Amino acid sequence: MDLDLDESARDYDEMLFGHASQLMSIRGLSPTKAALASLALMRKVFSGDPTFDTWLSKHQAATDQNSAGR
């Protein structure tokens, strides 16, 4: 995996979906469990990173909005 250390170039969506899909195919996790595990790992790795915090708040807002619409 090529890791670009330039914070402005990070694509957290790609990391989340890529890691979750690996967990689903390798470990046989359900999509929900894989996404939650990936997000938990990302929180540990990137906590305190302002670009991640911004991405996480947008991700959480979208999740909350989708849950309210059900």
PDB file of N, CA and C in Angstrom:
ATOM      1  N   MET A   1       0.850  -1.160   0.000  1.00  0.00           N
ATOM      2  CA  MET A   1       0.000   0.000   0.000  1.00  0.00           C
ATOM      3  C   MET A   1       0.899   1.228   0.000  1.00  0.00           C
ATOM      4  N   ASP A   2       0.584   2.182  -0.832  1.00  0.00           N
ATOM      5  CA  ASP A   2       1.337   3.416  -0.930  1.00  0.00           C
ATOM      6  C   ASP A   2       0.721   4.431   0.018  1.00  0.00           C
ATOM      7  N   LEU A   3       1.462   4.842   1.032  1.00  0.00           N
ATOM      8  CA  LEU A   3       0.958   5.819   1.992  1.00  0.00           C
ATOM      9  C   LEU A   3       1.535   7.186   1.675  1.00  0.00           C
ATOM     10  N   ASP A   4       0.669   8.106   1.349  1.00  0.00           N
ATOM     11  CA  ASP A   4       1.071   9.474   1.096  1.00  0.00           C
ATOM     12  C   ASP A   4       0.946  10.230   2.407  1.00  0.00           C
ATOM     13  N   LEU A   5       2.036  10.758   2.907  1.00  0.00           N
ATOM     14  CA  LEU A   5       2.014  11.434   4.191  1.00  0.00           C
ATOM     15  C   LEU A   5       1.507  12.868   4.109  1.00  0.00           C
ATOM     16  N   ASP A   6       1.178  13.321   2.923  1.00  0.00           N
ATOM     17  CA  ASP A   6       0.595  14.654   2.758  1.00  0.00           C
ATOM     18  C   ASP A   6      -0.852  14.594   3.232  1.00  0.00           C
ATOM     19  N   GLU A   7      -1.136  15.257   4.377  1.00  0.00           N
ATOM     20  CA  GLU A   7      -2.463  15.181   4.983  1.00  0.00           C
ATOM     21  C   GLU A   7      -3.565  15.690   4.065  1.00  0.00           C
ATOM     22  N   SER A   8      -3.269  16.643   3.218  1.00  0.00           N
ATOM     23  CA  SER A   8      -4.305  17.206   2.356  1.00  0.00           C
ATOM     24  C   SER A   8      -4.771  16.220   1.299  1.00  0.00           C
ATOM     25  N   ALA A   9      -3.969  15.177   1.052  1.00  0.00           N
ATOM     26  CA  ALA A   9      -4.302  14.223   0.005  1.00  0.00           C
ATOM     27  C   ALA A   9      -5.013  12.980   0.545  1.00  0.00           C
ATOM     28  N   ARG A  10      -5.214  12.890   1.831  1.00  0.00           N
ATOM     29  CA  ARG A  10      -5.851  11.707   2.399  1.00  0.00           C
ATOM     30  C   ARG A  10      -7.313  11.626   1.966  1.00  0.00           C
ATOM     31  N   ASP A  11      -7.742  10.426   1.634  1.00  0.00           N
ATOM     32  CA  ASP A  11      -9.135  10.192   1.283  1.00  0.00           C
ATOM     33  C   ASP A  11      -9.700   9.204   2.302  1.00  0.00           C
ATOM     34  N   TYR A  12     -10.326   9.745   3.329  1.00  0.00           N
ATOM     35  CA  TYR A  12     -10.812   8.906   4.417  1.00  0.00           C
ATOM     36  C   TYR A  12     -11.940   7.986   3.966  1.00  0.00           C
ATOM     37  N   ASP A  13     -12.777   8.439   3.034  1.00  0.00           N
ATOM     38  CA  ASP A  13     -13.827   7.566   2.511  1.00  0.00           C
ATOM     39  C   ASP A  13     -13.225   6.333   1.862  1.00  0.00           C
ATOM     40  N   GLU A  14     -12.198   6.545   1.057  1.00  0.00           N
ATOM     41  CA  GLU A  14     -11.543   5.421   0.384  1.00  0.00           C
ATOM     42  C   GLU A  14     -10.921   4.467   1.395  1.00  0.00           C
ATOM     43  N   MET A  15     -10.298   5.020   2.432  1.00  0.00           N
ATOM     44  CA  MET A  15      -9.707   4.171   3.464  1.00  0.00           C
ATOM     45  C   MET A  15     -10.779   3.354   4.177  1.00  0.00           C
ATOM     46  N   LEU A  16     -11.881   4.005   4.542  1.00  0.00           N
ATOM     47  CA  LEU A  16     -12.954   3.323   5.259  1.00  0.00           C
ATOM     48  C   LEU A  16     -13.537   2.197   4.414  1.00  0.00           C
ATOM     49  N   PHE A  17     -13.907   2.494   3.181  1.00  0.00           N
ATOM     50  CA  PHE A  17     -14.531   1.480   2.339  1.00  0.00           C
ATOM     51  C   PHE A  17     -13.547   0.385   1.939  1.00  0.00           C
ATOM     52  N   GLY A  18     -12.304   0.761   1.685  1.00  0.00           N
ATOM     53  CA  GLY A  18     -11.296  -0.236   1.315  1.00  0.00           C
ATOM     54  C   GLY A  18     -11.025  -1.210   2.446  1.00  0.00           C
ATOM     55  N   HIS A  19     -10.857  -0.688   3.655  1.00  0.00           N
ATOM     56  CA  HIS A  19     -10.577  -1.555   4.796  1.00  0.00           C
ATOM     57  C   HIS A  19     -11.794  -2.408   5.137  1.00  0.00           C
ATOM     58  N   ALA A  20     -12.983  -1.807   5.088  1.00  0.00           N
ATOM     59  CA  ALA A  20     -14.200  -2.569   5.391  1.00  0.00           C
ATOM     60  C   ALA A  20     -14.393  -3.708   4.386  1.00  0.00           C
ATOM     61  N   SER A  21     -14.122  -3.439   3.119  1.00  0.00           N
ATOM     62  CA  SER A  21     -14.296  -4.499   2.116  1.00  0.00           C
ATOM     63  C   SER A  21     -13.279  -5.621   2.330  1.00  0.00           C
ATOM     64  N   GLN A  22     -12.083  -5.275   2.783  1.00  0.00           N
ATOM     65  CA  GLN A  22     -11.102  -6.315   3.105  1.00  0.00           C
ATOM     66  C   GLN A  22     -11.579  -7.175   4.270  1.00  0.00           C
ATOM     67  N   LEU A  23     -12.133  -6.548   5.279  1.00  0.00           N
ATOM     68  CA  LEU A  23     -12.642  -7.305   6.422  1.00  0.00           C
ATOM     69  C   LEU A  23     -13.798  -8.213   6.021  1.00  0.00           C
ATOM     70  N   MET A  24     -14.635  -7.740   5.113  1.00  0.00           N
ATOM     71  CA  MET A  24     -15.753  -8.569   4.660  1.00  0.00           C
ATOM     72  C   MET A  24     -15.253  -9.777   3.878  1.00  0.00           C
ATOM     73  N   SER A  25     -14.281  -9.570   3.014  1.00  0.00           N
ATOM     74  CA  SER A  25     -13.817 -10.684   2.183  1.00  0.00           C
ATOM     75  C   SER A  25     -12.867 -11.618   2.923  1.00  0.00           C
ATOM     76  N   ILE A  26     -11.989 -11.097   3.746  1.00  0.00           N
ATOM     77  CA  ILE A  26     -11.003 -11.930   4.428  1.00  0.00           C
ATOM     78  C   ILE A  26     -11.571 -12.551   5.705  1.00  0.00           C
ATOM     79  N   ARG A  27     -12.266 -11.749   6.492  1.00  0.00           N
ATOM     80  CA  ARG A  27     -12.765 -12.217   7.784  1.00  0.00           C
ATOM     81  C   ARG A  27     -14.221 -12.676   7.737  1.00  0.00           C
ATOM     82  N   GLY A  28     -14.917 -12.367   6.650  1.00  0.00           N
ATOM     83  CA  GLY A  28     -16.316 -12.773   6.528  1.00  0.00           C
ATOM     84  C   GLY A  28     -17.260 -11.975   7.406  1.00  0.00           C
ATOM     85  N   LEU A  29     -16.870 -10.749   7.757  1.00  0.00           N
ATOM     86  CA  LEU A  29     -17.740  -9.910   8.576  1.00  0.00           C
ATOM     87  C   LEU A  29     -18.900  -9.362   7.759  1.00  0.00           C
ATOM     88  N   SER A  30     -19.981  -9.051   8.429  1.00  0.00           N
ATOM     89  CA  SER A  30     -21.099  -8.390   7.761  1.00  0.00           C
ATOM     90  C   SER A  30     -20.663  -6.971   7.400  1.00  0.00           C
ATOM     91  N   PRO A  31     -21.320  -6.351   6.434  1.00  0.00           N
ATOM     92  CA  PRO A  31     -20.952  -4.972   6.069  1.00  0.00           C
ATOM     93  C   PRO A  31     -21.005  -4.000   7.250  1.00  0.00           C
ATOM     94  N   THR A  32     -22.004  -4.151   8.103  1.00  0.00           N
ATOM     95  CA  THR A  32     -22.134  -3.247   9.255  1.00  0.00           C
ATOM     96  C   THR A  32     -20.981  -3.430  10.229  1.00  0.00           C
ATOM     97  N   LYS A  33     -20.670  -4.681  10.576  1.00  0.00           N
ATOM     98  CA  LYS A  33     -19.569  -4.938  11.507  1.00  0.00           C
ATOM     99  C   LYS A  33     -18.230  -4.503  10.913  1.00  0.00           C
ATOM    100  N   ALA A  34     -18.052  -4.720   9.623  1.00  0.00           N
ATOM    101  CA  ALA A  34     -16.806  -4.315   8.972  1.00  0.00           C
ATOM    102  C   ALA A  34     -16.647  -2.802   8.986  1.00  0.00           C
ATOM    103  N   ALA A  35     -17.718  -2.085   8.704  1.00  0.00           N
ATOM    104  CA  ALA A  35     -17.664  -0.619   8.701  1.00  0.00           C
ATOM    105  C   ALA A  35     -17.379  -0.088  10.104  1.00  0.00           C
ATOM    106  N   LEU A  36     -18.023  -0.672  11.104  1.00  0.00           N
ATOM    107  CA  LEU A  36     -17.793  -0.225  12.479  1.00  0.00           C
ATOM    108  C   LEU A  36     -16.363  -0.505  12.925  1.00  0.00           C
ATOM    109  N   ALA A  37     -15.836  -1.659  12.571  1.00  0.00           N
ATOM    110  CA  ALA A  37     -14.450  -1.987  12.927  1.00  0.00           C
ATOM    111  C   ALA A  37     -13.472  -1.052  12.232  1.00  0.00           C
ATOM    112  N   SER A  38     -13.720  -0.760  10.970  1.00  0.00           N
ATOM    113  CA  SER A  38     -12.842   0.141  10.226  1.00  0.00           C
ATOM    114  C   SER A  38     -12.877   1.544  10.808  1.00  0.00           C
ATOM    115  N   LEU A  39     -14.064   2.003  11.143  1.00  0.00           N
ATOM    116  CA  LEU A  39     -14.196   3.344  11.719  1.00  0.00           C
ATOM    117  C   LEU A  39     -13.507   3.417  13.078  1.00  0.00           C
ATOM    118  N   ALA A  40     -13.628   2.371  13.877  1.00  0.00           N
ATOM    119  CA  ALA A  40     -12.955   2.342  15.185  1.00  0.00           C
ATOM    120  C   ALA A  40     -11.437   2.410  15.012  1.00  0.00           C
ATOM    121  N   LEU A  41     -10.917   1.671  14.045  1.00  0.00           N
ATOM    122  CA  LEU A  41      -9.480   1.707  13.784  1.00  0.00           C
ATOM    123  C   LEU A  41      -9.047   3.099  13.325  1.00  0.00           C
ATOM    124  N   MET A  42      -9.817   3.694  12.435  1.00  0.00           N
ATOM    125  CA  MET A  42      -9.476   5.033  11.941  1.00  0.00           C
ATOM    126  C   MET A  42      -9.487   6.048  13.078  1.00  0.00           C
ATOM    127  N   ARG A  43     -10.431   5.911  14.007  1.00  0.00           N
ATOM    128  CA  ARG A  43     -10.471   6.828  15.153  1.00  0.00           C
ATOM    129  C   ARG A  43      -9.210   6.709  16.000  1.00  0.00           C
ATOM    130  N   LYS A  44      -8.703   5.499  16.163  1.00  0.00           N
ATOM    131  CA  LYS A  44      -7.470   5.308  16.937  1.00  0.00           C
ATOM    132  C   LYS A  44      -6.259   5.887  16.200  1.00  0.00           C
ATOM    133  N   VAL A  45      -6.198   5.651  14.905  1.00  0.00           N
ATOM    134  CA  VAL A  45      -5.034   6.069  14.125  1.00  0.00           C
ATOM    135  C   VAL A  45      -5.000   7.577  13.907  1.00  0.00           C
ATOM    136  N   PHE A  46      -6.142   8.157  13.589  1.00  0.00           N
ATOM    137  CA  PHE A  46      -6.162   9.555  13.170  1.00  0.00           C
ATOM    138  C   PHE A  46      -6.728  10.516  14.216  1.00  0.00           C
ATOM    139  N   SER A  47      -6.968  10.076  15.434  1.00  0.00           N
ATOM    140  CA  SER A  47      -7.550  10.978  16.434  1.00  0.00           C
ATOM    141  C   SER A  47      -6.652  12.195  16.631  1.00  0.00           C
ATOM    142  N   GLY A  48      -7.269  13.340  16.703  1.00  0.00           N
ATOM    143  CA  GLY A  48      -6.521  14.582  16.865  1.00  0.00           C
ATOM    144  C   GLY A  48      -6.085  15.226  15.563  1.00  0.00           C
ATOM    145  N   ASP A  49      -6.235  14.531  14.457  1.00  0.00           N
ATOM    146  CA  ASP A  49      -5.896  15.085  13.144  1.00  0.00           C
ATOM    147  C   ASP A  49      -7.062  15.964  12.692  1.00  0.00           C
ATOM    148  N   PRO A  50      -6.838  17.260  12.481  1.00  0.00           N
ATOM    149  CA  PRO A  50      -7.943  18.163  12.142  1.00  0.00           C
ATOM    150  C   PRO A  50      -8.692  17.771  10.866  1.00  0.00           C
ATOM    151  N   THR A  51      -7.980  17.244   9.869  1.00  0.00           N
ATOM    152  CA  THR A  51      -8.687  16.854   8.636  1.00  0.00           C
ATOM    153  C   THR A  51      -9.568  15.642   8.888  1.00  0.00           C
ATOM    154  N   PHE A  52      -9.113  14.730   9.738  1.00  0.00           N
ATOM    155  CA  PHE A  52      -9.943  13.568  10.070  1.00  0.00           C
ATOM    156  C   PHE A  52     -11.138  13.992  10.904  1.00  0.00           C
ATOM    157  N   ASP A  53     -10.915  14.869  11.877  1.00  0.00           N
ATOM    158  CA  ASP A  53     -12.011  15.332  12.722  1.00  0.00           C
ATOM    159  C   ASP A  53     -13.107  15.996  11.889  1.00  0.00           C
ATOM    160  N   THR A  54     -12.707  16.768  10.881  1.00  0.00           N
ATOM    161  CA  THR A  54     -13.681  17.404   9.987  1.00  0.00           C
ATOM    162  C   THR A  54     -14.433  16.345   9.197  1.00  0.00           C
ATOM    163  N   TRP A  55     -13.700  15.376   8.642  1.00  0.00           N
ATOM    164  CA  TRP A  55     -14.336  14.300   7.882  1.00  0.00           C
ATOM    165  C   TRP A  55     -15.299  13.514   8.770  1.00  0.00           C
ATOM    166  N   LEU A  56     -14.875  13.203  10.004  1.00  0.00           N
ATOM    167  CA  LEU A  56     -15.696  12.413  10.908  1.00  0.00           C
ATOM    168  C   LEU A  56     -16.986  13.140  11.262  1.00  0.00           C
ATOM    169  N   SER A  57     -16.904  14.435  11.503  1.00  0.00           N
ATOM    170  CA  SER A  57     -18.120  15.179  11.845  1.00  0.00           C
ATOM    171  C   SER A  57     -19.095  15.206  10.668  1.00  0.00           C
ATOM    172  N   LYS A  58     -18.583  15.330   9.445  1.00  0.00           N
ATOM    173  CA  LYS A  58     -19.462  15.286   8.261  1.00  0.00           C
ATOM    174  C   LYS A  58     -20.060  13.887   8.089  1.00  0.00           C
ATOM    175  N   HIS A  59     -19.241  12.869   8.311  1.00  0.00           N
ATOM    176  CA  HIS A  59     -19.693  11.481   8.209  1.00  0.00           C
ATOM    177  C   HIS A  59     -20.778  11.203   9.250  1.00  0.00           C
ATOM    178  N   GLN A  60     -20.569  11.676  10.471  1.00  0.00           N
ATOM    179  CA  GLN A  60     -21.535  11.473  11.545  1.00  0.00           C
ATOM    180  C   GLN A  60     -22.832  12.210  11.251  1.00  0.00           C
ATOM    181  N   ALA A  61     -22.742  13.426  10.717  1.00  0.00           N
ATOM    182  CA  ALA A  61     -23.944  14.194  10.385  1.00  0.00           C
ATOM    183  C   ALA A  61     -24.760  13.482   9.304  1.00  0.00           C
ATOM    184  N   ALA A  62     -24.079  12.927   8.314  1.00  0.00           N
ATOM    185  CA  ALA A  62     -24.776  12.203   7.244  1.00  0.00           C
ATOM    186  C   ALA A  62     -25.438  10.944   7.792  1.00  0.00           C
ATOM    187  N   THR A  63     -24.760  10.259   8.703  1.00  0.00           N
ATOM    188  CA  THR A  63     -25.311   9.057   9.320  1.00  0.00           C
ATOM    189  C   THR A  63     -26.543   9.396  10.157  1.00  0.00           C
ATOM    190  N   ASP A  64     -26.456  10.481  10.926  1.00  0.00           N
ATOM    191  CA  ASP A  64     -27.580  10.906  11.755  1.00  0.00           C
ATOM    192  C   ASP A  64     -28.784  11.292  10.887  1.00  0.00           C
ATOM    193  N   GLN A  65     -28.521  11.960   9.768  1.00  0.00           N
ATOM    194  CA  GLN A  65     -29.586  12.374   8.880  1.00  0.00           C
ATOM    195  C   GLN A  65     -30.269  11.163   8.242  1.00  0.00           C
ATOM    196  N   ASN A  66     -29.474  10.165   7.854  1.00  0.00           N
ATOM    197  CA  ASN A  66     -30.036   8.948   7.275  1.00  0.00           C
ATOM    198  C   ASN A  66     -30.862   8.174   8.300  1.00  0.00           C
ATOM    199  N   SER A  67     -30.408   8.152   9.532  1.00  0.00           N
ATOM    200  CA  SER A  67     -31.144   7.451  10.592  1.00  0.00           C
ATOM    201  C   SER A  67     -32.460   8.141  10.909  1.00  0.00           C
ATOM    202  N   ALA A  68     -32.480   9.458  10.847  1.00  0.00           N
ATOM    203  CA  ALA A  68     -33.698  10.217  11.130  1.00  0.00           C
ATOM    204  C   ALA A  68     -34.751  10.013  10.040  1.00  0.00           C
ATOM    205  N   GLY A  69     -34.311   9.750   8.841  1.00  0.00           N
ATOM    206  CA  GLY A  69     -35.229   9.571   7.714  1.00  0.00           C
ATOM    207  C   GLY A  69     -35.916   8.222   7.688  1.00  0.00           C
ATOM    208  N   ARG A  70     -35.489   7.307   8.540  1.00  0.00           N
ATOM    209  CA  ARG A  70     -36.095   5.961   8.549  1.00  0.00           C
ATOM    210  C   ARG A  70     -37.386   5.922   9.263  1.00  0.00           C
TER     211      ARG A  70
END
